[in-house]
Amino acid sequence: MSPTQPNASGRQPDLELLTPGHDTGWWDEHCSSAPWPEDFWQVDGTINPHW
């Protein structure tokens, strides 16, 4: 995985993957596939260091 994602478009792609039951690579507290947190990617496309 790259530490940057300059063309990140938010959670919408994750939500579209979850609808048919695909895995997003992020899991909730019940070990179910979930969308990535909105604040995971910073505006410049780098990973938020608080994660």
N, C-alpha and C. Protein backbone atom coordinates (compact mmCIF):
# COMPACT_ATOMS: atom_id res chain seq x y z
N MET A 1 0.84 -1.18 0.00
CA MET A 1 0.00 0.00 0.00
C MET A 1 0.89 1.24 0.00
N SER A 2 0.51 2.22 -0.73
CA SER A 2 1.25 3.47 -0.79
C SER A 2 0.84 4.37 0.39
N PRO A 3 1.78 5.10 1.00
CA PRO A 3 1.42 5.98 2.11
C PRO A 3 0.67 7.23 1.66
N THR A 4 0.59 7.44 0.36
CA THR A 4 -0.17 8.58 -0.15
C THR A 4 -1.22 8.11 -1.14
N GLN A 5 -2.25 8.88 -1.25
CA GLN A 5 -3.32 8.58 -2.20
C GLN A 5 -3.84 9.93 -2.70
N PRO A 6 -3.11 10.55 -3.64
CA PRO A 6 -3.43 11.92 -4.04
C PRO A 6 -4.82 12.10 -4.65
N ASN A 7 -5.40 11.06 -5.20
CA ASN A 7 -6.72 11.19 -5.81
C ASN A 7 -7.82 10.59 -4.93
N ALA A 8 -7.60 10.60 -3.63
CA ALA A 8 -8.59 10.03 -2.72
C ALA A 8 -9.90 10.80 -2.83
N SER A 9 -10.99 10.08 -2.97
CA SER A 9 -12.29 10.74 -3.14
C SER A 9 -13.22 10.46 -1.97
N GLY A 10 -12.68 10.19 -0.80
CA GLY A 10 -13.52 9.98 0.35
C GLY A 10 -14.04 8.57 0.48
N ARG A 11 -15.12 8.42 1.20
CA ARG A 11 -15.64 7.10 1.52
C ARG A 11 -16.59 6.53 0.49
N GLN A 12 -17.02 7.29 -0.49
CA GLN A 12 -18.01 6.80 -1.45
C GLN A 12 -17.60 5.49 -2.14
N PRO A 13 -16.35 5.35 -2.61
CA PRO A 13 -15.99 4.06 -3.21
C PRO A 13 -16.12 2.89 -2.23
N ASP A 14 -15.77 3.12 -0.96
CA ASP A 14 -15.92 2.07 0.05
C ASP A 14 -17.38 1.69 0.24
N LEU A 15 -18.23 2.69 0.30
CA LEU A 15 -19.66 2.41 0.49
C LEU A 15 -20.23 1.64 -0.69
N GLU A 16 -19.77 1.95 -1.90
CA GLU A 16 -20.22 1.23 -3.08
C GLU A 16 -19.74 -0.22 -3.07
N LEU A 17 -18.55 -0.48 -2.53
CA LEU A 17 -18.05 -1.85 -2.41
C LEU A 17 -18.82 -2.65 -1.37
N LEU A 18 -19.21 -2.00 -0.28
CA LEU A 18 -19.91 -2.70 0.79
C LEU A 18 -21.30 -3.17 0.37
N THR A 19 -21.95 -2.43 -0.50
CA THR A 19 -23.31 -2.78 -0.92
C THR A 19 -23.39 -4.21 -1.46
N PRO A 20 -22.51 -4.63 -2.41
CA PRO A 20 -22.59 -6.01 -2.88
C PRO A 20 -21.84 -7.00 -1.99
N GLY A 21 -21.25 -6.54 -0.87
CA GLY A 21 -20.59 -7.43 0.06
C GLY A 21 -19.10 -7.60 -0.11
N HIS A 22 -18.45 -6.69 -0.82
CA HIS A 22 -16.99 -6.77 -1.00
C HIS A 22 -16.26 -6.27 0.25
N ASP A 23 -14.99 -6.61 0.35
CA ASP A 23 -14.15 -6.21 1.46
C ASP A 23 -13.44 -4.91 1.13
N THR A 24 -13.44 -3.95 2.07
CA THR A 24 -12.78 -2.66 1.85
C THR A 24 -11.37 -2.62 2.43
N GLY A 25 -11.00 -3.59 3.24
CA GLY A 25 -9.70 -3.58 3.89
C GLY A 25 -9.72 -2.92 5.26
N TRP A 26 -10.89 -2.51 5.71
CA TRP A 26 -11.05 -1.90 7.05
C TRP A 26 -12.21 -2.62 7.72
N TRP A 27 -12.09 -2.89 9.03
CA TRP A 27 -13.12 -3.63 9.74
C TRP A 27 -13.59 -2.87 10.96
N ASP A 28 -14.86 -3.05 11.30
CA ASP A 28 -15.41 -2.39 12.49
C ASP A 28 -15.17 -3.25 13.73
N GLU A 29 -15.72 -2.83 14.86
CA GLU A 29 -15.50 -3.52 16.12
C GLU A 29 -16.13 -4.92 16.16
N HIS A 30 -16.98 -5.24 15.19
CA HIS A 30 -17.61 -6.56 15.10
C HIS A 30 -16.94 -7.44 14.03
N CYS A 31 -15.78 -6.99 13.54
CA CYS A 31 -15.01 -7.70 12.51
C CYS A 31 -15.76 -7.79 11.18
N SER A 32 -16.63 -6.84 10.94
CA SER A 32 -17.33 -6.77 9.66
C SER A 32 -16.65 -5.72 8.79
N SER A 33 -16.65 -5.95 7.48
CA SER A 33 -16.06 -4.99 6.57
C SER A 33 -16.79 -3.65 6.72
N ALA A 34 -16.02 -2.57 6.76
CA ALA A 34 -16.59 -1.23 6.99
C ALA A 34 -15.86 -0.22 6.11
N PRO A 35 -16.47 0.94 5.88
CA PRO A 35 -15.76 1.99 5.13
C PRO A 35 -14.61 2.55 5.97
N TRP A 36 -13.58 3.03 5.29
CA TRP A 36 -12.46 3.64 6.01
C TRP A 36 -12.96 4.91 6.69
N PRO A 37 -12.39 5.28 7.85
CA PRO A 37 -12.79 6.50 8.54
C PRO A 37 -12.58 7.73 7.65
N GLU A 38 -13.47 8.69 7.77
CA GLU A 38 -13.39 9.90 6.94
C GLU A 38 -12.10 10.66 7.16
N ASP A 39 -11.54 10.59 8.36
CA ASP A 39 -10.32 11.36 8.65
C ASP A 39 -9.04 10.54 8.52
N PHE A 40 -9.10 9.35 7.89
CA PHE A 40 -7.90 8.54 7.69
C PHE A 40 -6.94 9.21 6.72
N TRP A 41 -7.47 9.71 5.60
CA TRP A 41 -6.63 10.41 4.60
C TRP A 41 -6.71 11.90 4.84
N GLN A 42 -5.57 12.55 4.82
CA GLN A 42 -5.53 14.00 4.92
C GLN A 42 -5.82 14.62 3.56
N VAL A 43 -6.05 15.92 3.54
CA VAL A 43 -6.38 16.64 2.31
C VAL A 43 -5.30 16.49 1.25
N ASP A 44 -4.04 16.41 1.67
CA ASP A 44 -2.94 16.29 0.70
C ASP A 44 -2.73 14.85 0.21
N GLY A 45 -3.56 13.91 0.66
CA GLY A 45 -3.48 12.52 0.21
C GLY A 45 -2.60 11.64 1.07
N THR A 46 -2.03 12.17 2.13
CA THR A 46 -1.21 11.35 3.03
C THR A 46 -2.07 10.79 4.16
N ILE A 47 -1.54 9.76 4.83
CA ILE A 47 -2.27 9.15 5.93
C ILE A 47 -2.19 10.06 7.16
N ASN A 48 -3.32 10.22 7.84
CA ASN A 48 -3.38 11.01 9.06
C ASN A 48 -2.47 10.35 10.10
N PRO A 49 -1.48 11.06 10.65
CA PRO A 49 -0.55 10.45 11.60
C PRO A 49 -1.19 10.03 12.92
N HIS A 50 -2.41 10.49 13.19
CA HIS A 50 -3.10 10.12 14.42
C HIS A 50 -3.72 8.74 14.34
N TRP A 51 -3.67 8.11 13.15
CA TRP A 51 -4.17 6.75 13.01
C TRP A 51 -3.01 5.84 13.20
